[in-house]
Amino acid sequence: MRVLELTSARKIVGAASQVLLHDVSLTVDPGERVAIVGRSGSGKSTLLSILGLLDELSGGHYLVDGVRVHGLGDADRARLRARLFGFVFQNFCLLPHLSVRENVEAGVLHRGLRRRRRRDVAMEALAKVRLADLAGRRPDQLSGGERQRVAIARALASAPRVILADEPTGSLDEETGAAVMAELHALARQSGVALVVVTHDKLVANGCDRILTLDHGALVTP
């Protein structure tokens, strides 16, 4: 069964009825790696927010792991989002007052694990990105690449079916960005999760199984 299935999706905002997404249909299979590319303002981040249940459609249909999203209340959407998705953002979104391990643990809270088990899961995820030895540090004591790897560990620790990454290399130099993406691809393959990446970087996009191009809110056929 497809893990994500979006059909004729539309997103319209504001009194002027600005169209951010127009008739977008796509599918994502378990374990598949998909890149979404397009110019600034093409609707890439809007589409990622829709896919991650951070925003709602104005029209169309969306199935997440076989569950029809339309009509779900806020609490049900939040539970589905927590169960299915891990997020990796360009600006890392790490809490500065927490240690590296505690930041990763924060991504596990929804799983209802006991405190000791949460710690173990966080350390296991940090070991996968080779940062277990930095678990006690604060985010401001890390390099940009290390902070992005912490964000990846946090996403993995949530045991997602899908990882959604919004410009994951945007704050990194080319070499560090390539290393982070190689690690993210490898971890996604090992864990069998789907990966959806919004990017303007052709190298990042070319590393995926499939590339979707958005232009003015619509998918462009190659």
N, C-alpha and C. Protein backbone atom coordinates (compact mmCIF):
# COMPACT_ATOMS: atom_id res chain seq x y z
N MET A 1 0.84 -1.20 0.00
CA MET A 1 0.00 0.00 0.00
C MET A 1 0.87 1.25 0.00
N ARG A 2 0.52 2.21 -0.81
CA ARG A 2 1.25 3.47 -0.86
C ARG A 2 1.13 4.21 0.47
N VAL A 3 2.25 4.79 0.91
CA VAL A 3 2.22 5.45 2.20
C VAL A 3 1.62 6.85 2.09
N LEU A 4 1.79 7.51 0.95
CA LEU A 4 1.18 8.82 0.71
C LEU A 4 0.51 8.81 -0.66
N GLU A 5 -0.70 9.37 -0.72
CA GLU A 5 -1.41 9.47 -1.99
C GLU A 5 -2.23 10.75 -2.02
N LEU A 6 -1.78 11.70 -2.82
CA LEU A 6 -2.40 13.02 -2.94
C LEU A 6 -3.04 13.12 -4.31
N THR A 7 -4.32 13.54 -4.35
CA THR A 7 -5.06 13.58 -5.60
C THR A 7 -5.72 14.92 -5.80
N SER A 8 -5.42 15.58 -6.93
CA SER A 8 -6.05 16.86 -7.32
C SER A 8 -6.02 17.87 -6.19
N ALA A 9 -4.88 17.99 -5.54
CA ALA A 9 -4.75 18.86 -4.36
C ALA A 9 -4.72 20.33 -4.77
N ARG A 10 -5.47 21.14 -4.02
CA ARG A 10 -5.47 22.59 -4.22
C ARG A 10 -5.26 23.28 -2.88
N LYS A 11 -4.53 24.38 -2.90
CA LYS A 11 -4.36 25.23 -1.72
C LYS A 11 -4.53 26.68 -2.16
N ILE A 12 -5.56 27.32 -1.59
CA ILE A 12 -5.89 28.71 -1.93
C ILE A 12 -5.93 29.50 -0.64
N VAL A 13 -5.29 30.68 -0.61
CA VAL A 13 -5.23 31.48 0.61
C VAL A 13 -5.56 32.93 0.32
N GLY A 14 -6.02 33.62 1.39
CA GLY A 14 -6.21 35.07 1.34
C GLY A 14 -7.49 35.51 0.67
N ALA A 15 -7.80 36.78 0.90
CA ALA A 15 -9.01 37.37 0.32
C ALA A 15 -8.94 37.41 -1.19
N ALA A 16 -7.71 37.48 -1.73
CA ALA A 16 -7.54 37.52 -3.18
C ALA A 16 -7.52 36.13 -3.80
N SER A 17 -7.73 35.10 -2.97
CA SER A 17 -7.75 33.72 -3.44
C SER A 17 -6.48 33.35 -4.22
N GLN A 18 -5.34 33.61 -3.58
CA GLN A 18 -4.07 33.26 -4.20
C GLN A 18 -3.91 31.74 -4.23
N VAL A 19 -3.59 31.20 -5.39
CA VAL A 19 -3.46 29.76 -5.57
C VAL A 19 -2.01 29.36 -5.32
N LEU A 20 -1.78 28.57 -4.25
CA LEU A 20 -0.44 28.08 -3.94
C LEU A 20 -0.18 26.70 -4.51
N LEU A 21 -1.23 25.88 -4.58
CA LEU A 21 -1.14 24.57 -5.22
C LEU A 21 -2.34 24.40 -6.13
N HIS A 22 -2.10 23.83 -7.31
CA HIS A 22 -3.18 23.67 -8.28
C HIS A 22 -3.16 22.27 -8.87
N ASP A 23 -4.15 21.47 -8.53
CA ASP A 23 -4.37 20.16 -9.14
C ASP A 23 -3.11 19.27 -9.07
N VAL A 24 -2.55 19.18 -7.86
CA VAL A 24 -1.33 18.39 -7.66
C VAL A 24 -1.71 16.97 -7.24
N SER A 25 -1.21 16.00 -7.99
CA SER A 25 -1.41 14.59 -7.65
C SER A 25 -0.06 13.90 -7.60
N LEU A 26 0.17 13.13 -6.54
CA LEU A 26 1.42 12.39 -6.43
C LEU A 26 1.23 11.23 -5.47
N THR A 27 2.13 10.26 -5.58
CA THR A 27 2.15 9.12 -4.67
C THR A 27 3.57 8.91 -4.19
N VAL A 28 3.69 8.34 -2.99
CA VAL A 28 4.99 7.96 -2.45
C VAL A 28 4.85 6.56 -1.88
N ASP A 29 5.72 5.66 -2.33
CA ASP A 29 5.69 4.28 -1.86
C ASP A 29 6.64 4.09 -0.67
N PRO A 30 6.41 3.07 0.15
CA PRO A 30 7.32 2.80 1.26
C PRO A 30 8.76 2.63 0.76
N GLY A 31 9.70 3.30 1.40
CA GLY A 31 11.10 3.19 1.04
C GLY A 31 11.53 4.02 -0.15
N GLU A 32 10.59 4.68 -0.81
CA GLU A 32 10.94 5.49 -1.98
C GLU A 32 11.55 6.83 -1.57
N ARG A 33 12.47 7.33 -2.41
CA ARG A 33 13.10 8.62 -2.16
C ARG A 33 12.70 9.58 -3.27
N VAL A 34 12.00 10.66 -2.90
CA VAL A 34 11.43 11.59 -3.88
C VAL A 34 11.94 12.99 -3.60
N ALA A 35 12.40 13.67 -4.65
CA ALA A 35 12.81 15.07 -4.54
C ALA A 35 11.74 15.96 -5.17
N ILE A 36 11.44 17.08 -4.51
CA ILE A 36 10.53 18.08 -5.05
C ILE A 36 11.34 19.34 -5.29
N VAL A 37 11.41 19.77 -6.55
CA VAL A 37 12.23 20.91 -6.92
C VAL A 37 11.36 21.99 -7.57
N GLY A 38 11.94 23.18 -7.68
CA GLY A 38 11.23 24.30 -8.30
C GLY A 38 11.81 25.61 -7.81
N ARG A 39 11.49 26.68 -8.53
CA ARG A 39 11.99 27.99 -8.15
C ARG A 39 11.37 28.45 -6.84
N SER A 40 11.98 29.47 -6.24
CA SER A 40 11.41 30.05 -5.02
C SER A 40 10.00 30.54 -5.30
N GLY A 41 9.07 30.20 -4.41
CA GLY A 41 7.68 30.60 -4.60
C GLY A 41 6.87 29.66 -5.46
N SER A 42 7.44 28.52 -5.83
CA SER A 42 6.73 27.58 -6.70
C SER A 42 5.73 26.71 -5.95
N GLY A 43 5.80 26.73 -4.60
CA GLY A 43 4.85 25.94 -3.81
C GLY A 43 5.47 24.73 -3.13
N LYS A 44 6.79 24.61 -3.18
CA LYS A 44 7.46 23.42 -2.64
C LYS A 44 7.20 23.25 -1.14
N SER A 45 7.44 24.32 -0.36
CA SER A 45 7.27 24.22 1.09
C SER A 45 5.80 24.05 1.46
N THR A 46 4.92 24.69 0.69
CA THR A 46 3.48 24.50 0.91
C THR A 46 3.10 23.04 0.73
N LEU A 47 3.60 22.44 -0.33
CA LEU A 47 3.31 21.02 -0.59
C LEU A 47 3.84 20.14 0.52
N LEU A 48 5.05 20.43 1.00
CA LEU A 48 5.62 19.62 2.08
C LEU A 48 4.78 19.76 3.35
N SER A 49 4.29 20.97 3.63
CA SER A 49 3.44 21.18 4.80
C SER A 49 2.14 20.40 4.69
N ILE A 50 1.59 20.36 3.48
CA ILE A 50 0.37 19.57 3.25
C ILE A 50 0.66 18.10 3.48
N LEU A 51 1.75 17.61 2.91
CA LEU A 51 2.09 16.19 3.05
C LEU A 51 2.31 15.81 4.51
N GLY A 52 2.92 16.72 5.29
CA GLY A 52 3.22 16.44 6.69
C GLY A 52 2.10 16.78 7.66
N LEU A 53 0.92 17.11 7.12
CA LEU A 53 -0.26 17.43 7.94
C LEU A 53 -0.04 18.65 8.83
N LEU A 54 0.84 19.55 8.37
CA LEU A 54 1.04 20.81 9.06
C LEU A 54 0.11 21.89 8.52
N ASP A 55 -0.50 21.61 7.38
CA ASP A 55 -1.44 22.53 6.75
C ASP A 55 -2.54 21.70 6.11
N GLU A 56 -3.66 22.34 5.78
CA GLU A 56 -4.81 21.62 5.23
C GLU A 56 -5.06 22.02 3.79
N LEU A 57 -5.62 21.10 3.03
CA LEU A 57 -5.98 21.36 1.65
C LEU A 57 -7.21 22.25 1.56
N SER A 58 -7.28 23.00 0.46
CA SER A 58 -8.52 23.72 0.14
C SER A 58 -9.44 22.85 -0.70
N GLY A 59 -8.85 21.86 -1.36
CA GLY A 59 -9.63 20.93 -2.17
C GLY A 59 -8.78 19.75 -2.58
N GLY A 60 -9.42 18.68 -3.00
CA GLY A 60 -8.69 17.48 -3.37
C GLY A 60 -8.76 16.43 -2.27
N HIS A 61 -7.99 15.36 -2.42
CA HIS A 61 -8.02 14.24 -1.48
C HIS A 61 -6.61 13.84 -1.09
N TYR A 62 -6.47 13.38 0.16
CA TYR A 62 -5.17 12.96 0.65
C TYR A 62 -5.34 11.74 1.55
N LEU A 63 -4.62 10.66 1.20
CA LEU A 63 -4.58 9.45 2.00
C LEU A 63 -3.16 9.30 2.58
N VAL A 64 -3.09 9.10 3.90
CA VAL A 64 -1.82 8.89 4.58
C VAL A 64 -1.86 7.51 5.20
N ASP A 65 -1.03 6.61 4.67
CA ASP A 65 -1.01 5.23 5.14
C ASP A 65 -2.41 4.63 5.11
N GLY A 66 -3.17 4.96 4.08
CA GLY A 66 -4.52 4.44 3.90
C GLY A 66 -5.61 5.19 4.64
N VAL A 67 -5.25 6.19 5.43
CA VAL A 67 -6.22 6.97 6.20
C VAL A 67 -6.58 8.23 5.43
N ARG A 68 -7.88 8.47 5.21
CA ARG A 68 -8.32 9.68 4.53
C ARG A 68 -8.24 10.85 5.51
N VAL A 69 -7.49 11.86 5.13
CA VAL A 69 -7.20 12.98 6.03
C VAL A 69 -8.39 13.92 6.16
N HIS A 70 -9.14 14.12 5.08
CA HIS A 70 -10.24 15.08 5.10
C HIS A 70 -11.25 14.70 6.19
N GLY A 71 -11.59 15.66 7.00
CA GLY A 71 -12.57 15.43 8.06
C GLY A 71 -11.98 15.06 9.40
N LEU A 72 -10.68 14.79 9.46
CA LEU A 72 -10.05 14.48 10.74
C LEU A 72 -9.96 15.73 11.60
N GLY A 73 -10.19 15.59 12.90
CA GLY A 73 -10.02 16.70 13.83
C GLY A 73 -8.55 16.96 14.11
N ASP A 74 -8.29 18.06 14.79
CA ASP A 74 -6.90 18.45 15.08
C ASP A 74 -6.15 17.37 15.86
N ALA A 75 -6.80 16.77 16.85
CA ALA A 75 -6.14 15.76 17.68
C ALA A 75 -5.79 14.53 16.86
N ASP A 76 -6.72 14.09 15.99
CA ASP A 76 -6.44 12.92 15.16
C ASP A 76 -5.34 13.21 14.15
N ARG A 77 -5.34 14.41 13.59
CA ARG A 77 -4.27 14.79 12.66
C ARG A 77 -2.92 14.79 13.37
N ALA A 78 -2.90 15.32 14.59
CA ALA A 78 -1.65 15.38 15.36
C ALA A 78 -1.14 13.98 15.67
N ARG A 79 -2.03 13.07 16.03
CA ARG A 79 -1.62 11.69 16.32
C ARG A 79 -1.08 11.01 15.07
N LEU A 80 -1.76 11.21 13.95
CA LEU A 80 -1.32 10.61 12.69
C LEU A 80 0.03 11.19 12.27
N ARG A 81 0.18 12.50 12.43
CA ARG A 81 1.45 13.14 12.09
C ARG A 81 2.59 12.61 12.95
N ALA A 82 2.36 12.48 14.23
CA ALA A 82 3.40 12.00 15.15
C ALA A 82 3.76 10.55 14.86
N ARG A 83 2.78 9.75 14.46
CA ARG A 83 3.02 8.32 14.23
C ARG A 83 3.71 8.07 12.90
N LEU A 84 3.45 8.89 11.89
CA LEU A 84 3.91 8.59 10.54
C LEU A 84 5.13 9.37 10.09
N PHE A 85 5.32 10.60 10.61
CA PHE A 85 6.30 11.49 9.99
C PHE A 85 7.45 11.86 10.92
N GLY A 86 8.64 11.98 10.31
CA GLY A 86 9.79 12.61 10.94
C GLY A 86 10.16 13.81 10.09
N PHE A 87 10.55 14.92 10.71
CA PHE A 87 10.81 16.16 9.99
C PHE A 87 12.27 16.58 10.15
N VAL A 88 12.86 17.04 9.04
CA VAL A 88 14.20 17.62 9.05
C VAL A 88 14.12 18.97 8.36
N PHE A 89 14.43 20.05 9.09
CA PHE A 89 14.29 21.40 8.55
C PHE A 89 15.64 22.04 8.28
N GLN A 90 15.64 23.04 7.40
CA GLN A 90 16.87 23.73 7.03
C GLN A 90 17.56 24.37 8.23
N ASN A 91 16.77 24.96 9.13
CA ASN A 91 17.35 25.68 10.28
C ASN A 91 17.43 24.79 11.52
N PHE A 92 17.35 23.47 11.33
CA PHE A 92 17.58 22.44 12.35
C PHE A 92 16.45 22.34 13.39
N CYS A 93 15.92 23.48 13.86
CA CYS A 93 14.83 23.50 14.86
C CYS A 93 15.20 22.72 16.12
N LEU A 94 16.42 22.92 16.60
CA LEU A 94 16.84 22.30 17.86
C LEU A 94 16.61 23.29 19.00
N LEU A 95 16.26 22.77 20.18
CA LEU A 95 16.01 23.62 21.34
C LEU A 95 17.34 23.92 22.02
N PRO A 96 17.72 25.20 22.10
CA PRO A 96 19.07 25.55 22.56
C PRO A 96 19.36 25.21 24.01
N HIS A 97 18.30 25.14 24.84
CA HIS A 97 18.52 24.88 26.27
C HIS A 97 18.61 23.38 26.59
N LEU A 98 18.38 22.53 25.59
CA LEU A 98 18.45 21.09 25.79
C LEU A 98 19.76 20.55 25.23
N SER A 99 20.22 19.45 25.79
CA SER A 99 21.38 18.77 25.24
C SER A 99 21.02 18.08 23.93
N VAL A 100 22.02 17.61 23.23
CA VAL A 100 21.80 16.86 21.99
C VAL A 100 20.88 15.67 22.25
N ARG A 101 21.18 14.88 23.27
CA ARG A 101 20.34 13.72 23.58
C ARG A 101 18.92 14.14 23.91
N GLU A 102 18.76 15.19 24.69
CA GLU A 102 17.42 15.64 25.08
C GLU A 102 16.63 16.14 23.87
N ASN A 103 17.32 16.77 22.91
CA ASN A 103 16.64 17.20 21.69
C ASN A 103 16.11 16.00 20.93
N VAL A 104 16.90 14.94 20.85
CA VAL A 104 16.44 13.74 20.15
C VAL A 104 15.31 13.08 20.93
N GLU A 105 15.42 13.05 22.24
CA GLU A 105 14.35 12.48 23.08
C GLU A 105 13.04 13.21 22.87
N ALA A 106 13.10 14.52 22.61
CA ALA A 106 11.87 15.30 22.41
C ALA A 106 11.07 14.77 21.23
N GLY A 107 11.76 14.17 20.25
CA GLY A 107 11.06 13.61 19.11
C GLY A 107 10.45 12.26 19.36
N VAL A 108 10.64 11.73 20.57
CA VAL A 108 10.17 10.38 20.92
C VAL A 108 9.00 10.43 21.90
N LEU A 109 8.71 11.61 22.44
CA LEU A 109 7.72 11.72 23.51
C LEU A 109 6.36 11.14 23.13
N HIS A 110 5.96 11.30 21.86
CA HIS A 110 4.64 10.82 21.45
C HIS A 110 4.53 9.30 21.47
N ARG A 111 5.67 8.60 21.53
CA ARG A 111 5.63 7.14 21.47
C ARG A 111 5.24 6.51 22.81
N GLY A 112 5.15 7.30 23.86
CA GLY A 112 4.70 6.78 25.15
C GLY A 112 5.69 5.87 25.83
N LEU A 113 6.97 6.04 25.52
CA LEU A 113 8.00 5.19 26.12
C LEU A 113 8.38 5.68 27.51
N ARG A 114 8.81 4.76 28.35
CA ARG A 114 9.32 5.14 29.66
C ARG A 114 10.62 5.94 29.49
N ARG A 115 10.94 6.71 30.53
CA ARG A 115 12.07 7.63 30.43
C ARG A 115 13.37 6.93 30.05
N ARG A 116 13.64 5.80 30.69
CA ARG A 116 14.88 5.08 30.39
C ARG A 116 14.91 4.59 28.95
N ARG A 117 13.77 4.11 28.46
CA ARG A 117 13.70 3.62 27.08
C ARG A 117 13.84 4.79 26.10
N ARG A 118 13.27 5.95 26.43
CA ARG A 118 13.44 7.12 25.57
C ARG A 118 14.91 7.48 25.43
N ARG A 119 15.62 7.41 26.55
CA ARG A 119 17.05 7.71 26.52
C ARG A 119 17.79 6.72 25.62
N ASP A 120 17.45 5.44 25.76
CA ASP A 120 18.11 4.41 24.95
C ASP A 120 17.84 4.62 23.46
N VAL A 121 16.60 4.93 23.12
CA VAL A 121 16.22 5.15 21.72
C VAL A 121 16.97 6.35 21.16
N ALA A 122 17.07 7.41 21.96
CA ALA A 122 17.78 8.61 21.53
C ALA A 122 19.26 8.30 21.28
N MET A 123 19.87 7.55 22.16
CA MET A 123 21.28 7.22 22.01
C MET A 123 21.50 6.30 20.81
N GLU A 124 20.57 5.38 20.57
CA GLU A 124 20.67 4.51 19.40
C GLU A 124 20.61 5.34 18.10
N ALA A 125 19.71 6.33 18.07
CA ALA A 125 19.59 7.18 16.89
C ALA A 125 20.84 8.03 16.70
N LEU A 126 21.40 8.55 17.79
CA LEU A 126 22.63 9.34 17.69
C LEU A 126 23.80 8.49 17.24
N ALA A 127 23.82 7.24 17.65
CA ALA A 127 24.88 6.34 17.21
C ALA A 127 24.80 6.12 15.69
N LYS A 128 23.59 6.07 15.15
CA LYS A 128 23.42 5.86 13.71
C LYS A 128 24.00 7.01 12.89
N VAL A 129 23.98 8.22 13.46
CA VAL A 129 24.55 9.37 12.74
C VAL A 129 25.93 9.73 13.30
N ARG A 130 26.51 8.81 14.08
CA ARG A 130 27.86 8.94 14.61
C ARG A 130 28.05 10.17 15.50
N LEU A 131 27.07 10.41 16.37
CA LEU A 131 27.15 11.55 17.28
C LEU A 131 26.92 11.16 18.74
N ALA A 132 26.97 9.88 19.05
CA ALA A 132 26.70 9.44 20.42
C ALA A 132 27.66 10.08 21.42
N ASP A 133 28.90 10.34 20.96
CA ASP A 133 29.89 10.91 21.87
C ASP A 133 29.65 12.39 22.16
N LEU A 134 28.72 13.01 21.42
CA LEU A 134 28.41 14.43 21.64
C LEU A 134 27.04 14.61 22.29
N ALA A 135 26.49 13.55 22.85
CA ALA A 135 25.12 13.56 23.38
C ALA A 135 24.91 14.60 24.46
N GLY A 136 25.95 14.92 25.23
CA GLY A 136 25.80 15.86 26.33
C GLY A 136 26.00 17.31 25.97
N ARG A 137 26.37 17.59 24.72
CA ARG A 137 26.61 18.97 24.32
C ARG A 137 25.31 19.70 24.00
N ARG A 138 25.40 21.04 23.97
CA ARG A 138 24.28 21.88 23.54
C ARG A 138 24.41 22.15 22.04
N PRO A 139 23.32 22.48 21.37
CA PRO A 139 23.39 22.73 19.92
C PRO A 139 24.41 23.79 19.52
N ASP A 140 24.58 24.85 20.35
CA ASP A 140 25.51 25.90 19.97
C ASP A 140 26.97 25.47 20.08
N GLN A 141 27.20 24.27 20.58
CA GLN A 141 28.56 23.73 20.64
C GLN A 141 28.88 22.82 19.45
N LEU A 142 27.95 22.75 18.50
CA LEU A 142 28.11 21.87 17.35
C LEU A 142 28.29 22.67 16.07
N SER A 143 28.88 22.03 15.07
CA SER A 143 28.96 22.62 13.74
C SER A 143 27.59 22.51 13.05
N GLY A 144 27.44 23.19 11.91
CA GLY A 144 26.18 23.11 11.18
C GLY A 144 25.86 21.69 10.74
N GLY A 145 26.89 20.98 10.25
CA GLY A 145 26.66 19.60 9.83
C GLY A 145 26.27 18.70 10.98
N GLU A 146 26.88 18.91 12.14
CA GLU A 146 26.53 18.11 13.31
C GLU A 146 25.11 18.40 13.77
N ARG A 147 24.70 19.65 13.73
CA ARG A 147 23.33 19.99 14.12
C ARG A 147 22.31 19.37 13.17
N GLN A 148 22.64 19.34 11.88
CA GLN A 148 21.72 18.72 10.94
C GLN A 148 21.65 17.22 11.17
N ARG A 149 22.75 16.59 11.54
CA ARG A 149 22.74 15.16 11.86
C ARG A 149 21.94 14.89 13.13
N VAL A 150 21.96 15.81 14.09
CA VAL A 150 21.10 15.67 15.28
C VAL A 150 19.64 15.71 14.85
N ALA A 151 19.31 16.63 13.93
CA ALA A 151 17.93 16.72 13.44
C ALA A 151 17.51 15.43 12.74
N ILE A 152 18.42 14.82 12.01
CA ILE A 152 18.13 13.54 11.36
C ILE A 152 17.92 12.45 12.40
N ALA A 153 18.78 12.44 13.43
CA ALA A 153 18.62 11.45 14.51
C ALA A 153 17.26 11.62 15.19
N ARG A 154 16.85 12.86 15.42
CA ARG A 154 15.54 13.11 16.05
C ARG A 154 14.41 12.56 15.18
N ALA A 155 14.53 12.77 13.87
CA ALA A 155 13.50 12.25 12.96
C ALA A 155 13.47 10.73 12.99
N LEU A 156 14.63 10.10 12.97
CA LEU A 156 14.69 8.64 12.97
C LEU A 156 14.18 8.05 14.28
N ALA A 157 14.46 8.74 15.40
CA ALA A 157 14.06 8.23 16.71
C ALA A 157 12.54 8.13 16.85
N SER A 158 11.82 8.92 16.07
CA SER A 158 10.37 8.89 16.15
C SER A 158 9.77 7.68 15.45
N ALA A 159 10.63 6.83 14.85
CA ALA A 159 10.20 5.62 14.13
C ALA A 159 9.17 5.94 13.06
N PRO A 160 9.50 6.85 12.13
CA PRO A 160 8.52 7.29 11.14
C PRO A 160 8.38 6.31 9.98
N ARG A 161 7.29 6.44 9.24
CA ARG A 161 7.16 5.76 7.95
C ARG A 161 7.70 6.65 6.84
N VAL A 162 7.69 7.97 7.08
CA VAL A 162 8.12 8.94 6.08
C VAL A 162 8.97 10.02 6.76
N ILE A 163 10.11 10.36 6.15
CA ILE A 163 10.89 11.52 6.58
C ILE A 163 10.68 12.62 5.55
N LEU A 164 10.26 13.81 6.03
CA LEU A 164 10.08 14.98 5.19
C LEU A 164 11.21 15.96 5.50
N ALA A 165 11.98 16.32 4.47
CA ALA A 165 13.14 17.19 4.67
C ALA A 165 12.99 18.44 3.81
N ASP A 166 13.00 19.61 4.45
CA ASP A 166 12.82 20.89 3.77
C ASP A 166 14.18 21.58 3.66
N GLU A 167 14.75 21.58 2.46
CA GLU A 167 16.07 22.18 2.20
C GLU A 167 17.09 21.74 3.25
N PRO A 168 17.30 20.44 3.42
CA PRO A 168 18.16 19.96 4.52
C PRO A 168 19.62 20.36 4.38
N THR A 169 20.05 20.78 3.17
CA THR A 169 21.44 21.20 3.00
C THR A 169 21.56 22.71 2.81
N GLY A 170 20.45 23.42 2.94
CA GLY A 170 20.45 24.85 2.64
C GLY A 170 21.37 25.68 3.51
N SER A 171 21.63 25.24 4.74
CA SER A 171 22.47 26.00 5.66
C SER A 171 23.90 25.45 5.72
N LEU A 172 24.23 24.51 4.82
CA LEU A 172 25.51 23.81 4.90
C LEU A 172 26.34 24.09 3.65
N ASP A 173 27.67 23.97 3.80
CA ASP A 173 28.53 24.06 2.63
C ASP A 173 28.36 22.80 1.78
N GLU A 174 28.87 22.83 0.55
CA GLU A 174 28.62 21.74 -0.40
C GLU A 174 29.11 20.40 0.11
N GLU A 175 30.32 20.38 0.67
CA GLU A 175 30.89 19.11 1.13
C GLU A 175 30.10 18.53 2.31
N THR A 176 29.77 19.41 3.27
CA THR A 176 29.01 18.95 4.43
C THR A 176 27.61 18.51 4.01
N GLY A 177 27.00 19.28 3.09
CA GLY A 177 25.67 18.93 2.61
C GLY A 177 25.64 17.58 1.93
N ALA A 178 26.67 17.30 1.13
CA ALA A 178 26.74 16.00 0.45
C ALA A 178 26.88 14.86 1.45
N ALA A 179 27.68 15.09 2.49
CA ALA A 179 27.86 14.05 3.51
C ALA A 179 26.57 13.81 4.28
N VAL A 180 25.86 14.89 4.62
CA VAL A 180 24.59 14.76 5.35
C VAL A 180 23.57 14.01 4.51
N MET A 181 23.47 14.33 3.20
CA MET A 181 22.50 13.65 2.36
C MET A 181 22.85 12.19 2.16
N ALA A 182 24.13 11.89 2.02
CA ALA A 182 24.55 10.48 1.89
C ALA A 182 24.13 9.70 3.13
N GLU A 183 24.30 10.33 4.29
CA GLU A 183 23.93 9.67 5.53
C GLU A 183 22.42 9.50 5.62
N LEU A 184 21.68 10.53 5.21
CA LEU A 184 20.22 10.47 5.27
C LEU A 184 19.69 9.39 4.33
N HIS A 185 20.24 9.28 3.12
CA HIS A 185 19.83 8.24 2.18
C HIS A 185 20.13 6.85 2.74
N ALA A 186 21.32 6.70 3.28
CA ALA A 186 21.70 5.39 3.82
C ALA A 186 20.81 4.97 4.97
N LEU A 187 20.53 5.91 5.86
CA LEU A 187 19.69 5.60 7.01
C LEU A 187 18.25 5.31 6.59
N ALA A 188 17.76 6.05 5.59
CA ALA A 188 16.41 5.80 5.09
C ALA A 188 16.31 4.40 4.48
N ARG A 189 17.33 4.01 3.72
CA ARG A 189 17.32 2.67 3.12
C ARG A 189 17.37 1.59 4.20
N GLN A 190 18.24 1.78 5.18
CA GLN A 190 18.38 0.78 6.24
C GLN A 190 17.09 0.64 7.04
N SER A 191 16.39 1.76 7.26
CA SER A 191 15.18 1.74 8.07
C SER A 191 13.94 1.45 7.25
N GLY A 192 14.05 1.49 5.91
CA GLY A 192 12.91 1.21 5.05
C GLY A 192 11.86 2.30 5.04
N VAL A 193 12.25 3.54 5.40
CA VAL A 193 11.28 4.63 5.41
C VAL A 193 11.34 5.37 4.08
N ALA A 194 10.23 6.01 3.72
CA ALA A 194 10.20 6.87 2.54
C ALA A 194 10.85 8.21 2.89
N LEU A 195 11.45 8.84 1.88
CA LEU A 195 12.10 10.12 2.06
C LEU A 195 11.59 11.09 1.01
N VAL A 196 11.05 12.23 1.46
CA VAL A 196 10.61 13.29 0.55
C VAL A 196 11.42 14.53 0.86
N VAL A 197 12.15 15.03 -0.14
CA VAL A 197 13.07 16.15 0.06
C VAL A 197 12.66 17.33 -0.81
N VAL A 198 12.44 18.48 -0.21
CA VAL A 198 12.28 19.72 -0.95
C VAL A 198 13.65 20.36 -1.06
N THR A 199 14.07 20.68 -2.29
CA THR A 199 15.42 21.21 -2.47
C THR A 199 15.52 22.05 -3.73
N HIS A 200 16.48 22.97 -3.72
CA HIS A 200 16.84 23.70 -4.94
C HIS A 200 18.17 23.19 -5.48
N ASP A 201 18.77 22.23 -4.78
CA ASP A 201 20.10 21.71 -5.09
C ASP A 201 19.97 20.52 -6.05
N LYS A 202 20.51 20.65 -7.26
CA LYS A 202 20.40 19.58 -8.25
C LYS A 202 21.10 18.30 -7.80
N LEU A 203 22.22 18.44 -7.09
CA LEU A 203 22.93 17.26 -6.61
C LEU A 203 22.09 16.48 -5.62
N VAL A 204 21.40 17.19 -4.73
CA VAL A 204 20.51 16.54 -3.77
C VAL A 204 19.38 15.84 -4.51
N ALA A 205 18.77 16.54 -5.45
CA ALA A 205 17.64 15.96 -6.20
C ALA A 205 18.06 14.73 -6.99
N ASN A 206 19.23 14.79 -7.61
CA ASN A 206 19.68 13.68 -8.45
C ASN A 206 20.00 12.42 -7.65
N GLY A 207 20.16 12.56 -6.34
CA GLY A 207 20.41 11.39 -5.50
C GLY A 207 19.16 10.62 -5.15
N CYS A 208 17.99 11.15 -5.55
CA CYS A 208 16.71 10.50 -5.21
C CYS A 208 16.25 9.59 -6.35
N ASP A 209 15.28 8.75 -6.04
CA ASP A 209 14.73 7.84 -7.04
C ASP A 209 13.91 8.56 -8.10
N ARG A 210 13.28 9.65 -7.68
CA ARG A 210 12.33 10.35 -8.57
C ARG A 210 12.36 11.84 -8.25
N ILE A 211 12.25 12.66 -9.30
CA ILE A 211 12.25 14.11 -9.14
C ILE A 211 10.93 14.67 -9.65
N LEU A 212 10.24 15.44 -8.80
CA LEU A 212 9.00 16.12 -9.18
C LEU A 212 9.29 17.62 -9.23
N THR A 213 8.86 18.29 -10.30
CA THR A 213 9.10 19.72 -10.47
C THR A 213 7.81 20.50 -10.33
N LEU A 214 7.82 21.50 -9.44
CA LEU A 214 6.68 22.38 -9.25
C LEU A 214 6.95 23.72 -9.93
N ASP A 215 5.92 24.26 -10.60
CA ASP A 215 6.01 25.58 -11.21
C ASP A 215 4.69 26.28 -11.00
N HIS A 216 4.73 27.41 -10.27
CA HIS A 216 3.51 28.16 -9.95
C HIS A 216 2.42 27.26 -9.36
N GLY A 217 2.85 26.36 -8.46
CA GLY A 217 1.90 25.53 -7.74
C GLY A 217 1.38 24.31 -8.47
N ALA A 218 1.90 24.04 -9.65
CA ALA A 218 1.47 22.88 -10.43
C ALA A 218 2.66 22.00 -10.76
N LEU A 219 2.44 20.69 -10.80
CA LEU A 219 3.50 19.77 -11.20
C LEU A 219 3.72 19.87 -12.70
N VAL A 220 5.00 19.91 -13.09
CA VAL A 220 5.37 20.01 -14.50
C VAL A 220 5.76 18.62 -14.99
N THR A 221 5.18 18.18 -16.06
CA THR A 221 5.50 16.88 -16.64
C THR A 221 6.83 16.97 -17.37
N PRO A 222 7.78 16.04 -17.03
CA PRO A 222 9.10 16.09 -17.69
C PRO A 222 8.99 15.96 -19.20
